[in-house]
């Protein structure tokens, strides 16, 4: 039987994974291959038609806007697996009185998957609110948020992998599988065939004060 996310988190002994999945604390997402971190292309909260990218330099403007930080917010279940929204801390806004989208807390832009990914050239993502992103990034199949829900899996080496529930044979990856500075985030086929993915698709969550911790370090 496949381990639950709770068991996998305990076995990973990584306090950043626990903080992100259980305490809803923001983390940096450091790529397993080259140490770049994930950030929205556009940091401003009013931007909903841009994607996400890898960046090597953590500049003052990004830190001030919290563009290097992400939240994982629970959003239901996929069988026994909890589902999460991957939300940017950049451009965070207070939820208007009386408004809501089924999840508590402030309004945050989420990583949203293109409906046709990974079959077409539009197999990209957008960082935006569900009612603000383009039509092909909105929910379908009767579930308004399904294009924003992700299976978050802890890998055996202490990283995490993201699988969109709309495309369970796909995985959060990069254009042309090129993991370099300024790599464009997109949805690619999961060649590994399971939810743990491969190194090219894995991130190491890091609390902001752990930026300089070696990527391979797992807390014991």
N, C-alpha and C. Protein backbone atom coordinates (compact mmCIF):
# COMPACT_ATOMS: atom_id res chain seq x y z
N UNK A 1 0.85 -1.19 0.00
CA UNK A 1 0.00 0.00 0.00
C UNK A 1 0.89 1.24 0.00
N UNK A 2 0.51 2.23 -0.79
CA UNK A 2 1.30 3.45 -0.87
C UNK A 2 1.21 4.22 0.44
N UNK A 3 2.34 4.78 0.86
CA UNK A 3 2.35 5.54 2.09
C UNK A 3 1.50 6.79 1.94
N UNK A 4 0.90 7.23 3.05
CA UNK A 4 0.20 8.50 3.05
C UNK A 4 1.22 9.62 3.05
N UNK A 5 0.75 10.83 2.69
CA UNK A 5 1.65 11.98 2.71
C UNK A 5 2.17 12.22 4.13
N UNK A 6 1.32 11.99 5.14
CA UNK A 6 1.75 12.18 6.52
C UNK A 6 2.93 11.28 6.85
N UNK A 7 2.86 9.99 6.46
CA UNK A 7 3.95 9.06 6.74
C UNK A 7 5.21 9.48 5.97
N UNK A 8 5.02 9.91 4.73
CA UNK A 8 6.18 10.30 3.93
C UNK A 8 6.87 11.52 4.54
N UNK A 9 6.05 12.45 5.04
CA UNK A 9 6.62 13.64 5.67
C UNK A 9 7.43 13.25 6.90
N UNK A 10 6.89 12.35 7.73
CA UNK A 10 7.61 11.93 8.93
C UNK A 10 8.92 11.23 8.56
N UNK A 11 8.88 10.43 7.50
CA UNK A 11 10.07 9.69 7.11
C UNK A 11 11.13 10.61 6.50
N UNK A 12 10.73 11.73 5.94
CA UNK A 12 11.67 12.64 5.31
C UNK A 12 12.47 13.43 6.35
N UNK A 13 11.92 13.64 7.53
CA UNK A 13 12.58 14.40 8.59
C UNK A 13 13.01 15.79 8.12
N UNK A 14 12.26 16.39 7.27
CA UNK A 14 12.63 17.71 6.76
C UNK A 14 11.65 18.72 7.34
N UNK A 15 12.16 19.61 8.17
CA UNK A 15 11.26 20.54 8.85
C UNK A 15 10.58 21.50 7.89
N UNK A 16 11.18 21.79 6.74
CA UNK A 16 10.54 22.68 5.78
C UNK A 16 9.32 22.02 5.14
N UNK A 17 9.40 20.70 4.88
CA UNK A 17 8.25 19.98 4.33
C UNK A 17 7.11 19.96 5.34
N UNK A 18 7.43 19.70 6.59
CA UNK A 18 6.42 19.70 7.64
C UNK A 18 5.79 21.08 7.76
N UNK A 19 6.62 22.12 7.77
CA UNK A 19 6.12 23.48 7.89
C UNK A 19 5.18 23.83 6.73
N UNK A 20 5.55 23.42 5.52
CA UNK A 20 4.76 23.77 4.35
C UNK A 20 3.43 23.02 4.31
N UNK A 21 3.47 21.69 4.53
CA UNK A 21 2.28 20.87 4.35
C UNK A 21 1.36 20.85 5.56
N UNK A 22 1.91 21.05 6.74
CA UNK A 22 1.10 20.91 7.96
C UNK A 22 0.87 22.22 8.70
N UNK A 23 1.77 23.16 8.54
CA UNK A 23 1.66 24.41 9.28
C UNK A 23 1.32 25.59 8.39
N UNK A 24 1.25 25.36 7.06
CA UNK A 24 0.95 26.41 6.09
C UNK A 24 1.90 27.59 6.23
N UNK A 25 3.17 27.27 6.44
CA UNK A 25 4.21 28.30 6.47
C UNK A 25 4.85 28.40 5.10
N UNK A 26 5.21 29.60 4.65
CA UNK A 26 5.79 29.76 3.32
C UNK A 26 7.20 29.19 3.25
N UNK A 27 7.52 28.61 2.10
CA UNK A 27 8.85 28.04 1.88
C UNK A 27 9.38 28.49 0.53
N UNK A 28 10.70 28.44 0.40
CA UNK A 28 11.32 28.57 -0.91
C UNK A 28 11.31 27.20 -1.57
N UNK A 29 11.18 27.16 -2.88
CA UNK A 29 11.23 25.91 -3.62
C UNK A 29 12.51 25.92 -4.45
N UNK A 30 13.52 25.19 -3.95
CA UNK A 30 14.84 25.16 -4.56
C UNK A 30 14.93 23.93 -5.46
N UNK A 31 15.31 24.12 -6.71
CA UNK A 31 15.31 23.00 -7.64
C UNK A 31 16.43 22.02 -7.34
N UNK A 32 16.12 20.74 -7.50
CA UNK A 32 17.06 19.68 -7.15
C UNK A 32 18.28 19.64 -8.05
N UNK A 33 18.15 20.16 -9.27
CA UNK A 33 19.24 20.02 -10.23
C UNK A 33 20.30 21.11 -10.12
N UNK A 34 19.86 22.37 -10.10
CA UNK A 34 20.86 23.44 -10.15
C UNK A 34 20.76 24.46 -9.03
N UNK A 35 19.85 24.26 -8.08
CA UNK A 35 19.77 25.14 -6.92
C UNK A 35 19.06 26.45 -7.16
N UNK A 36 18.49 26.66 -8.36
CA UNK A 36 17.69 27.86 -8.59
C UNK A 36 16.39 27.77 -7.80
N UNK A 37 15.78 28.90 -7.56
CA UNK A 37 14.52 28.88 -6.82
C UNK A 37 13.36 29.29 -7.73
N UNK A 38 12.18 28.81 -7.39
CA UNK A 38 10.99 29.08 -8.18
C UNK A 38 10.36 30.40 -7.76
N UNK A 39 9.98 31.19 -8.73
CA UNK A 39 9.27 32.45 -8.46
C UNK A 39 8.31 32.75 -9.59
N UNK A 40 7.25 33.53 -9.32
CA UNK A 40 6.39 33.96 -10.42
C UNK A 40 7.17 34.86 -11.37
N UNK A 41 6.84 34.78 -12.65
CA UNK A 41 7.47 35.68 -13.61
C UNK A 41 7.18 37.13 -13.25
N UNK A 42 5.94 37.39 -12.85
CA UNK A 42 5.51 38.73 -12.47
C UNK A 42 5.13 38.73 -10.99
N UNK A 43 5.72 39.64 -10.22
CA UNK A 43 5.51 39.65 -8.77
C UNK A 43 4.24 40.39 -8.37
N UNK A 44 3.75 41.30 -9.19
CA UNK A 44 2.61 42.13 -8.81
C UNK A 44 1.34 41.31 -8.70
N UNK A 45 0.54 41.63 -7.68
CA UNK A 45 -0.68 40.88 -7.43
C UNK A 45 -1.72 41.01 -8.52
N UNK A 46 -1.68 42.07 -9.32
CA UNK A 46 -2.67 42.25 -10.37
C UNK A 46 -2.33 41.48 -11.64
N UNK A 47 -1.19 40.80 -11.65
CA UNK A 47 -0.81 40.01 -12.82
C UNK A 47 -1.33 38.59 -12.69
N UNK A 48 -2.10 38.15 -13.71
CA UNK A 48 -2.69 36.81 -13.68
C UNK A 48 -2.46 36.04 -14.97
N UNK A 49 -1.68 36.59 -15.90
CA UNK A 49 -1.48 35.94 -17.19
C UNK A 49 -0.02 35.58 -17.44
N UNK A 50 0.77 35.54 -16.39
CA UNK A 50 2.18 35.16 -16.50
C UNK A 50 2.41 33.86 -15.75
N UNK A 51 3.53 33.21 -16.07
CA UNK A 51 3.82 31.92 -15.48
C UNK A 51 4.79 31.98 -14.32
N UNK A 52 5.61 30.94 -14.22
CA UNK A 52 6.61 30.83 -13.16
C UNK A 52 7.93 30.45 -13.82
N UNK A 53 9.04 30.69 -13.11
CA UNK A 53 10.36 30.46 -13.68
C UNK A 53 11.36 30.16 -12.57
N UNK A 54 12.52 29.63 -12.97
CA UNK A 54 13.63 29.43 -12.05
C UNK A 54 14.57 30.62 -12.13
N UNK A 55 15.07 31.05 -10.96
CA UNK A 55 15.98 32.19 -10.89
C UNK A 55 17.11 31.84 -9.93
N UNK A 56 18.33 32.27 -10.28
CA UNK A 56 19.48 31.96 -9.42
C UNK A 56 19.74 33.04 -8.38
N UNK A 57 19.52 34.32 -8.73
CA UNK A 57 19.84 35.41 -7.82
C UNK A 57 18.62 35.82 -7.02
N UNK A 58 18.77 35.86 -5.70
CA UNK A 58 17.69 36.31 -4.82
C UNK A 58 17.90 37.80 -4.56
N UNK A 59 17.30 38.62 -5.39
CA UNK A 59 17.51 40.06 -5.32
C UNK A 59 16.61 40.71 -4.29
N UNK A 60 16.91 41.94 -3.95
CA UNK A 60 16.18 42.66 -2.90
C UNK A 60 14.71 42.87 -3.27
N UNK A 61 14.44 43.17 -4.55
CA UNK A 61 13.06 43.41 -4.98
C UNK A 61 12.21 42.16 -4.81
N UNK A 62 12.78 41.00 -5.14
CA UNK A 62 12.05 39.74 -4.98
C UNK A 62 11.80 39.45 -3.51
N UNK A 63 12.81 39.64 -2.67
CA UNK A 63 12.64 39.40 -1.24
C UNK A 63 11.60 40.34 -0.64
N UNK A 64 11.64 41.60 -1.03
CA UNK A 64 10.69 42.57 -0.50
C UNK A 64 9.26 42.21 -0.89
N UNK A 65 9.08 41.69 -2.10
CA UNK A 65 7.74 41.31 -2.57
C UNK A 65 7.35 39.89 -2.18
N UNK A 66 8.25 39.17 -1.49
CA UNK A 66 8.05 37.77 -1.12
C UNK A 66 7.85 36.87 -2.32
N UNK A 67 8.49 37.24 -3.43
CA UNK A 67 8.35 36.45 -4.64
C UNK A 67 9.06 35.11 -4.58
N UNK A 68 9.90 34.91 -3.57
CA UNK A 68 10.63 33.65 -3.42
C UNK A 68 9.89 32.68 -2.52
N UNK A 69 8.71 33.04 -2.02
CA UNK A 69 8.00 32.23 -1.04
C UNK A 69 6.68 31.69 -1.60
N UNK A 70 6.38 30.44 -1.21
CA UNK A 70 5.15 29.77 -1.66
C UNK A 70 4.45 29.10 -0.47
N UNK A 71 3.13 29.08 -0.54
CA UNK A 71 2.31 28.36 0.44
C UNK A 71 1.69 27.14 -0.23
N UNK A 72 1.51 26.06 0.53
CA UNK A 72 0.72 24.91 0.10
C UNK A 72 -0.55 24.91 0.94
N UNK A 73 -1.69 25.15 0.31
CA UNK A 73 -2.96 25.25 1.02
C UNK A 73 -3.83 24.05 0.67
N UNK A 74 -4.32 23.36 1.68
CA UNK A 74 -5.15 22.17 1.45
C UNK A 74 -6.38 22.51 0.64
N UNK A 75 -6.72 21.61 -0.29
CA UNK A 75 -7.85 21.87 -1.17
C UNK A 75 -8.64 20.62 -1.50
N UNK A 76 -8.76 19.66 -0.56
CA UNK A 76 -9.52 18.46 -0.83
C UNK A 76 -8.64 17.23 -0.85
N UNK A 77 -9.13 16.15 -1.48
CA UNK A 77 -8.42 14.88 -1.49
C UNK A 77 -8.52 14.23 -2.85
N UNK A 78 -7.53 13.42 -3.17
CA UNK A 78 -7.50 12.58 -4.37
C UNK A 78 -7.32 11.16 -3.87
N UNK A 79 -8.43 10.45 -3.69
CA UNK A 79 -8.36 9.17 -2.99
C UNK A 79 -7.97 9.43 -1.55
N UNK A 80 -6.89 8.79 -1.10
CA UNK A 80 -6.39 9.03 0.25
C UNK A 80 -5.34 10.13 0.29
N UNK A 81 -5.04 10.71 -0.84
CA UNK A 81 -3.99 11.73 -0.89
C UNK A 81 -4.59 13.13 -0.74
N UNK A 82 -4.05 13.94 0.16
CA UNK A 82 -4.50 15.34 0.23
C UNK A 82 -4.04 16.11 -0.99
N UNK A 83 -4.85 17.05 -1.42
CA UNK A 83 -4.53 17.92 -2.53
C UNK A 83 -4.20 19.31 -2.00
N UNK A 84 -3.38 20.02 -2.77
CA UNK A 84 -2.94 21.34 -2.34
C UNK A 84 -3.00 22.33 -3.49
N UNK A 85 -3.22 23.61 -3.13
CA UNK A 85 -2.99 24.72 -4.03
C UNK A 85 -1.56 25.20 -3.78
N UNK A 86 -0.81 25.48 -4.85
CA UNK A 86 0.52 26.07 -4.72
C UNK A 86 0.35 27.57 -4.90
N UNK A 87 0.49 28.32 -3.83
CA UNK A 87 0.13 29.73 -3.83
C UNK A 87 1.35 30.61 -3.61
N UNK A 88 1.44 31.68 -4.37
CA UNK A 88 2.53 32.62 -4.25
C UNK A 88 2.26 33.61 -3.12
N UNK A 89 3.29 33.90 -2.35
CA UNK A 89 3.18 34.94 -1.33
C UNK A 89 3.27 36.33 -1.94
N UNK A 90 3.75 36.43 -3.18
CA UNK A 90 3.87 37.72 -3.87
C UNK A 90 2.49 38.18 -4.32
N UNK A 91 2.17 39.43 -4.02
CA UNK A 91 0.89 39.97 -4.45
C UNK A 91 -0.28 39.52 -3.59
N UNK A 92 0.02 39.03 -2.40
CA UNK A 92 -1.04 38.55 -1.50
C UNK A 92 -1.95 39.70 -1.10
N UNK A 93 -3.25 39.45 -1.05
CA UNK A 93 -4.22 40.48 -0.71
C UNK A 93 -5.24 39.93 0.27
N UNK A 94 -5.85 40.81 1.04
CA UNK A 94 -6.89 40.39 1.98
C UNK A 94 -8.14 40.03 1.20
N UNK A 95 -8.84 38.99 1.67
CA UNK A 95 -10.08 38.58 1.01
C UNK A 95 -11.18 39.58 1.33
N UNK A 96 -11.92 40.04 0.33
CA UNK A 96 -13.02 40.99 0.60
C UNK A 96 -14.04 40.40 1.55
N UNK A 97 -14.68 41.26 2.33
CA UNK A 97 -15.69 40.80 3.29
C UNK A 97 -16.80 40.05 2.57
N UNK A 98 -17.13 38.87 3.07
CA UNK A 98 -18.21 38.08 2.51
C UNK A 98 -17.81 37.26 1.29
N UNK A 99 -16.58 37.41 0.84
CA UNK A 99 -16.14 36.66 -0.34
C UNK A 99 -15.35 35.43 0.09
N UNK A 100 -15.29 34.45 -0.79
CA UNK A 100 -14.53 33.25 -0.49
C UNK A 100 -14.53 32.30 -1.66
N UNK A 101 -13.55 31.42 -1.69
CA UNK A 101 -13.48 30.44 -2.78
C UNK A 101 -13.35 29.02 -2.22
N UNK A 102 -13.81 28.83 -0.97
CA UNK A 102 -13.78 27.49 -0.40
C UNK A 102 -12.58 27.21 0.46
N UNK A 103 -11.61 28.13 0.50
CA UNK A 103 -10.44 27.93 1.34
C UNK A 103 -10.27 29.14 2.25
N UNK A 104 -9.79 28.93 3.47
CA UNK A 104 -9.62 30.05 4.39
C UNK A 104 -8.38 30.86 4.05
N UNK A 105 -8.27 32.01 4.70
CA UNK A 105 -7.05 32.79 4.57
C UNK A 105 -7.14 33.85 3.50
N UNK A 106 -6.02 34.52 3.25
CA UNK A 106 -6.00 35.62 2.29
C UNK A 106 -6.08 35.13 0.85
N UNK A 107 -6.37 36.06 -0.06
CA UNK A 107 -6.35 35.73 -1.48
C UNK A 107 -4.91 35.66 -1.95
N UNK A 108 -4.56 34.56 -2.56
CA UNK A 108 -3.22 34.40 -3.11
C UNK A 108 -3.32 33.86 -4.53
N UNK A 109 -2.43 34.28 -5.39
CA UNK A 109 -2.38 33.74 -6.75
C UNK A 109 -1.83 32.31 -6.70
N UNK A 110 -2.43 31.45 -7.49
CA UNK A 110 -2.07 30.04 -7.49
C UNK A 110 -1.47 29.62 -8.83
N UNK A 111 -0.63 28.59 -8.78
CA UNK A 111 -0.13 28.01 -10.03
C UNK A 111 -1.26 27.21 -10.66
N UNK A 112 -1.66 27.61 -11.85
CA UNK A 112 -2.80 27.05 -12.55
C UNK A 112 -2.34 26.37 -13.84
N UNK A 113 -2.87 25.20 -14.11
CA UNK A 113 -2.44 24.39 -15.24
C UNK A 113 -3.32 24.63 -16.46
N UNK A 114 -2.71 24.71 -17.63
CA UNK A 114 -3.45 24.81 -18.88
C UNK A 114 -4.21 23.51 -19.12
N UNK A 115 -5.47 23.62 -19.56
CA UNK A 115 -6.31 22.43 -19.73
C UNK A 115 -5.74 21.44 -20.74
N UNK A 116 -5.04 21.91 -21.76
CA UNK A 116 -4.55 21.03 -22.81
C UNK A 116 -3.15 20.50 -22.54
N UNK A 117 -2.57 20.87 -21.41
CA UNK A 117 -1.23 20.36 -21.09
C UNK A 117 -1.29 18.87 -20.83
N UNK A 118 -0.24 18.12 -21.16
CA UNK A 118 0.97 18.55 -21.86
C UNK A 118 0.93 18.25 -23.36
N UNK A 119 -0.27 18.27 -23.96
CA UNK A 119 -0.41 17.81 -25.34
C UNK A 119 -0.07 18.88 -26.38
N UNK A 120 -0.20 20.14 -26.01
CA UNK A 120 -0.03 21.19 -27.01
C UNK A 120 1.14 22.11 -26.66
N UNK A 121 1.40 23.08 -27.55
CA UNK A 121 2.45 24.05 -27.28
C UNK A 121 2.07 24.99 -26.15
N UNK A 122 0.83 24.95 -25.74
CA UNK A 122 0.36 25.80 -24.64
C UNK A 122 0.48 25.10 -23.29
N UNK A 123 1.36 24.08 -23.22
CA UNK A 123 1.46 23.30 -21.99
C UNK A 123 2.29 24.07 -20.96
N UNK A 124 1.71 25.17 -20.50
CA UNK A 124 2.37 26.05 -19.55
C UNK A 124 1.52 26.18 -18.30
N UNK A 125 1.94 27.05 -17.42
CA UNK A 125 1.16 27.37 -16.24
C UNK A 125 1.02 28.88 -16.15
N UNK A 126 0.00 29.31 -15.42
CA UNK A 126 -0.15 30.72 -15.09
C UNK A 126 -0.25 30.85 -13.58
N UNK A 127 0.23 31.97 -13.06
CA UNK A 127 0.13 32.26 -11.63
C UNK A 127 -0.93 33.34 -11.47
N UNK A 128 -2.11 32.94 -10.99
CA UNK A 128 -3.20 33.90 -10.88
C UNK A 128 -4.39 33.32 -10.14
N UNK A 129 -5.34 34.17 -9.81
CA UNK A 129 -6.58 33.73 -9.19
C UNK A 129 -7.46 33.05 -10.23
N UNK A 130 -8.27 32.11 -9.79
CA UNK A 130 -9.04 31.29 -10.73
C UNK A 130 -9.91 32.13 -11.63
N UNK A 131 -10.54 33.19 -11.09
CA UNK A 131 -11.45 33.99 -11.91
C UNK A 131 -10.72 35.06 -12.71
N UNK A 132 -9.39 35.06 -12.63
CA UNK A 132 -8.61 36.06 -13.36
C UNK A 132 -7.75 35.47 -14.47
N UNK A 133 -7.41 34.18 -14.37
CA UNK A 133 -6.55 33.58 -15.40
C UNK A 133 -7.34 33.35 -16.68
N UNK A 134 -6.62 33.07 -17.77
CA UNK A 134 -7.27 32.86 -19.06
C UNK A 134 -8.21 31.67 -19.06
N UNK A 135 -9.09 31.62 -20.05
CA UNK A 135 -10.14 30.60 -20.09
C UNK A 135 -9.59 29.19 -20.07
N UNK A 136 -8.52 28.93 -20.78
CA UNK A 136 -7.97 27.57 -20.84
C UNK A 136 -7.27 27.16 -19.54
N UNK A 137 -7.17 28.08 -18.60
CA UNK A 137 -6.59 27.75 -17.30
C UNK A 137 -7.66 27.63 -16.22
N UNK A 138 -8.91 27.81 -16.58
CA UNK A 138 -9.99 27.71 -15.59
C UNK A 138 -10.37 26.26 -15.38
N UNK A 139 -11.09 26.00 -14.27
CA UNK A 139 -11.48 24.64 -13.95
C UNK A 139 -12.44 24.05 -14.97
N UNK A 140 -12.51 22.74 -15.01
CA UNK A 140 -13.41 22.06 -15.92
C UNK A 140 -13.97 20.83 -15.20
N UNK A 141 -14.75 20.04 -15.89
CA UNK A 141 -15.33 18.81 -15.35
C UNK A 141 -16.16 19.08 -14.09
N UNK A 142 -16.73 20.27 -14.00
CA UNK A 142 -17.61 20.58 -12.88
C UNK A 142 -16.90 20.98 -11.61
N UNK A 143 -15.59 20.95 -11.59
CA UNK A 143 -14.83 21.34 -10.40
C UNK A 143 -14.15 22.67 -10.68
N UNK A 144 -14.58 23.75 -10.06
CA UNK A 144 -14.07 25.07 -10.43
C UNK A 144 -12.59 25.25 -10.17
N UNK A 145 -12.02 24.47 -9.24
CA UNK A 145 -10.61 24.66 -8.92
C UNK A 145 -9.72 23.56 -9.46
N UNK A 146 -10.23 22.64 -10.29
CA UNK A 146 -9.43 21.46 -10.57
C UNK A 146 -8.14 21.76 -11.31
N UNK A 147 -8.08 22.84 -12.06
CA UNK A 147 -6.83 23.17 -12.75
C UNK A 147 -5.80 23.79 -11.81
N UNK A 148 -6.16 23.98 -10.54
CA UNK A 148 -5.23 24.55 -9.57
C UNK A 148 -4.87 23.57 -8.45
N UNK A 149 -5.35 22.34 -8.53
CA UNK A 149 -5.11 21.37 -7.46
C UNK A 149 -3.97 20.43 -7.83
N UNK A 150 -3.10 20.15 -6.84
CA UNK A 150 -1.90 19.36 -7.06
C UNK A 150 -1.74 18.27 -6.02
N UNK A 151 -1.24 17.11 -6.47
CA UNK A 151 -0.75 16.09 -5.56
C UNK A 151 0.69 16.46 -5.22
N UNK A 152 0.98 16.61 -3.94
CA UNK A 152 2.33 16.93 -3.48
C UNK A 152 2.92 15.67 -2.88
N UNK A 153 3.99 15.18 -3.47
CA UNK A 153 4.59 13.92 -3.04
C UNK A 153 6.01 14.13 -2.57
N UNK A 154 6.31 13.58 -1.40
CA UNK A 154 7.67 13.63 -0.86
C UNK A 154 8.48 12.50 -1.50
N UNK A 155 9.62 12.84 -2.07
CA UNK A 155 10.45 11.84 -2.74
C UNK A 155 11.34 11.12 -1.73
N UNK A 156 11.89 9.97 -2.10
CA UNK A 156 12.77 9.24 -1.17
C UNK A 156 14.01 10.02 -0.75
N UNK A 157 14.39 11.04 -1.56
CA UNK A 157 15.60 11.79 -1.23
C UNK A 157 15.28 13.13 -0.56
N UNK A 158 14.05 13.31 -0.09
CA UNK A 158 13.72 14.48 0.71
C UNK A 158 13.25 15.69 -0.07
N UNK A 159 13.03 15.54 -1.38
CA UNK A 159 12.47 16.62 -2.17
C UNK A 159 10.96 16.46 -2.27
N UNK A 160 10.33 17.28 -3.07
CA UNK A 160 8.90 17.14 -3.33
C UNK A 160 8.66 17.28 -4.83
N UNK A 161 7.61 16.59 -5.29
CA UNK A 161 7.22 16.58 -6.70
C UNK A 161 5.75 16.99 -6.78
N UNK A 162 5.39 17.68 -7.85
CA UNK A 162 4.02 18.16 -8.03
C UNK A 162 3.38 17.49 -9.24
N UNK A 163 2.21 16.90 -9.04
CA UNK A 163 1.44 16.27 -10.11
C UNK A 163 0.07 16.94 -10.17
N UNK A 164 -0.31 17.52 -11.32
CA UNK A 164 -1.64 18.13 -11.43
C UNK A 164 -2.73 17.06 -11.52
N UNK A 165 -3.81 17.24 -10.80
CA UNK A 165 -4.85 16.19 -10.81
C UNK A 165 -5.55 16.11 -12.16
N UNK A 166 -5.51 17.18 -12.95
CA UNK A 166 -6.14 17.12 -14.27
C UNK A 166 -5.33 16.29 -15.25
N UNK A 167 -4.03 16.08 -14.97
CA UNK A 167 -3.15 15.33 -15.86
C UNK A 167 -2.25 14.42 -15.03
N UNK A 168 -2.79 13.34 -14.48
CA UNK A 168 -2.00 12.49 -13.58
C UNK A 168 -0.82 11.79 -14.24
N UNK A 169 -0.75 11.82 -15.57
CA UNK A 169 0.42 11.25 -16.25
C UNK A 169 1.47 12.32 -16.53
N UNK A 170 1.27 13.51 -16.00
CA UNK A 170 2.19 14.62 -16.21
C UNK A 170 2.78 15.07 -14.87
N UNK A 171 3.67 16.03 -14.95
CA UNK A 171 4.38 16.47 -13.77
C UNK A 171 4.86 17.91 -14.00
N UNK A 172 5.05 18.66 -12.92
CA UNK A 172 5.57 20.01 -13.05
C UNK A 172 7.04 19.94 -13.47
N UNK A 173 7.34 20.46 -14.66
CA UNK A 173 8.69 20.37 -15.18
C UNK A 173 9.10 21.66 -15.85
N UNK A 174 9.93 21.56 -16.90
CA UNK A 174 10.48 22.74 -17.54
C UNK A 174 10.53 22.57 -19.05
N UNK A 175 10.47 23.69 -19.73
CA UNK A 175 10.48 23.69 -21.18
C UNK A 175 11.73 22.99 -21.70
N UNK A 176 11.52 22.04 -22.59
CA UNK A 176 12.61 21.27 -23.20
C UNK A 176 13.46 20.53 -22.17
N UNK A 177 12.91 20.34 -20.97
CA UNK A 177 13.64 19.66 -19.89
C UNK A 177 14.96 20.37 -19.54
N UNK A 178 15.08 21.63 -19.89
CA UNK A 178 16.31 22.37 -19.64
C UNK A 178 16.19 23.10 -18.31
N UNK A 179 16.93 22.64 -17.32
CA UNK A 179 16.87 23.24 -15.99
C UNK A 179 18.05 24.20 -15.87
N UNK A 180 17.83 25.43 -16.28
CA UNK A 180 18.86 26.46 -16.25
C UNK A 180 18.28 27.71 -15.61
N UNK A 181 19.12 28.71 -15.40
CA UNK A 181 18.62 29.98 -14.90
C UNK A 181 17.57 30.51 -15.86
N UNK A 182 16.47 31.00 -15.30
CA UNK A 182 15.35 31.55 -16.08
C UNK A 182 14.61 30.49 -16.88
N UNK A 183 14.70 29.23 -16.47
CA UNK A 183 13.93 28.18 -17.13
C UNK A 183 12.44 28.44 -16.96
N UNK A 184 11.70 28.20 -18.02
CA UNK A 184 10.25 28.37 -18.02
C UNK A 184 9.58 27.12 -17.45
N UNK A 185 8.73 27.32 -16.46
CA UNK A 185 7.98 26.22 -15.87
C UNK A 185 6.85 25.82 -16.81
N UNK A 186 6.68 24.52 -17.00
CA UNK A 186 5.59 24.01 -17.82
C UNK A 186 5.21 22.62 -17.31
N UNK A 187 4.24 22.00 -17.95
CA UNK A 187 3.83 20.65 -17.59
C UNK A 187 4.41 19.69 -18.62
N UNK A 188 5.09 18.65 -18.16
CA UNK A 188 5.71 17.67 -19.04
C UNK A 188 5.24 16.27 -18.67
N UNK A 189 5.40 15.33 -19.59
CA UNK A 189 5.04 13.96 -19.29
C UNK A 189 5.94 13.41 -18.20
N UNK A 190 5.37 12.61 -17.32
CA UNK A 190 6.12 12.03 -16.21
C UNK A 190 6.76 10.73 -16.68
N UNK A 191 7.99 10.80 -17.09
CA UNK A 191 8.68 9.63 -17.62
C UNK A 191 8.92 8.57 -16.55
N UNK A 192 8.94 8.98 -15.27
CA UNK A 192 9.17 8.02 -14.20
C UNK A 192 7.96 7.12 -13.99
N UNK A 193 6.78 7.61 -14.33
CA UNK A 193 5.59 6.79 -14.26
C UNK A 193 4.95 6.66 -12.89
N UNK A 194 5.49 7.34 -11.90
CA UNK A 194 4.85 7.31 -10.59
C UNK A 194 4.89 8.71 -9.98
N UNK A 195 4.34 8.84 -8.77
CA UNK A 195 4.20 10.17 -8.19
C UNK A 195 5.50 10.71 -7.59
N UNK A 196 6.56 9.92 -7.55
CA UNK A 196 7.80 10.43 -6.98
C UNK A 196 8.61 11.21 -7.99
N UNK A 197 8.37 10.98 -9.27
CA UNK A 197 9.05 11.74 -10.30
C UNK A 197 10.53 11.46 -10.37
N UNK A 198 11.25 12.35 -11.03
CA UNK A 198 12.69 12.22 -11.17
C UNK A 198 13.35 13.50 -10.68
N UNK A 199 14.67 13.51 -10.62
CA UNK A 199 15.39 14.66 -10.06
C UNK A 199 15.09 15.95 -10.82
N UNK A 200 14.85 15.83 -12.12
CA UNK A 200 14.62 17.05 -12.90
C UNK A 200 13.28 17.70 -12.54
N UNK A 201 12.42 16.97 -11.88
CA UNK A 201 11.11 17.50 -11.53
C UNK A 201 10.95 17.73 -10.02
N UNK A 202 12.02 17.61 -9.26
CA UNK A 202 11.91 17.69 -7.80
C UNK A 202 12.44 19.02 -7.27
N UNK A 203 11.81 19.47 -6.19
CA UNK A 203 12.26 20.67 -5.48
C UNK A 203 12.56 20.30 -4.03
N UNK A 204 13.49 21.03 -3.45
CA UNK A 204 13.71 20.93 -2.01
C UNK A 204 13.09 22.14 -1.35
N UNK A 205 12.04 21.94 -0.55
CA UNK A 205 11.48 23.09 0.18
C UNK A 205 12.50 23.58 1.20
N UNK A 206 12.60 24.87 1.35
CA UNK A 206 13.50 25.45 2.33
C UNK A 206 12.81 26.62 3.01
N UNK A 207 12.85 26.62 4.34
CA UNK A 207 12.42 27.80 5.07
C UNK A 207 13.37 28.93 4.73
N UNK A 208 12.92 30.18 4.79
CA UNK A 208 13.78 31.29 4.37
C UNK A 208 15.16 31.31 5.03
N UNK A 209 15.26 30.87 6.27
CA UNK A 209 16.56 30.89 6.95
C UNK A 209 17.42 29.68 6.59
N UNK A 210 16.91 28.81 5.70
CA UNK A 210 17.66 27.64 5.28
C UNK A 210 18.20 27.77 3.86
N UNK A 211 18.22 28.97 3.32
CA UNK A 211 18.61 29.15 1.94
C UNK A 211 20.00 28.58 1.67
N UNK A 212 20.90 28.68 2.63
CA UNK A 212 22.27 28.24 2.41
C UNK A 212 22.53 26.80 2.83
N UNK A 213 21.48 26.09 3.23
CA UNK A 213 21.64 24.68 3.59
C UNK A 213 21.87 23.88 2.31
N UNK A 214 22.85 22.95 2.29
CA UNK A 214 23.06 22.15 1.07
C UNK A 214 21.79 21.44 0.63
N UNK A 215 21.61 21.33 -0.70
CA UNK A 215 20.37 20.75 -1.24
C UNK A 215 20.15 19.32 -0.75
N UNK A 216 21.21 18.57 -0.62
CA UNK A 216 21.06 17.15 -0.30
C UNK A 216 20.86 16.90 1.20
N UNK A 217 20.90 17.97 1.98
CA UNK A 217 20.82 17.77 3.43
C UNK A 217 19.40 17.39 3.84
N UNK A 218 19.26 16.33 4.61
CA UNK A 218 17.97 15.94 5.18
C UNK A 218 18.13 15.93 6.69
N UNK A 219 17.27 16.65 7.37
CA UNK A 219 17.40 16.78 8.82
C UNK A 219 17.06 15.45 9.50
N UNK A 220 17.89 15.04 10.45
CA UNK A 220 17.70 13.77 11.15
C UNK A 220 17.57 13.99 12.63
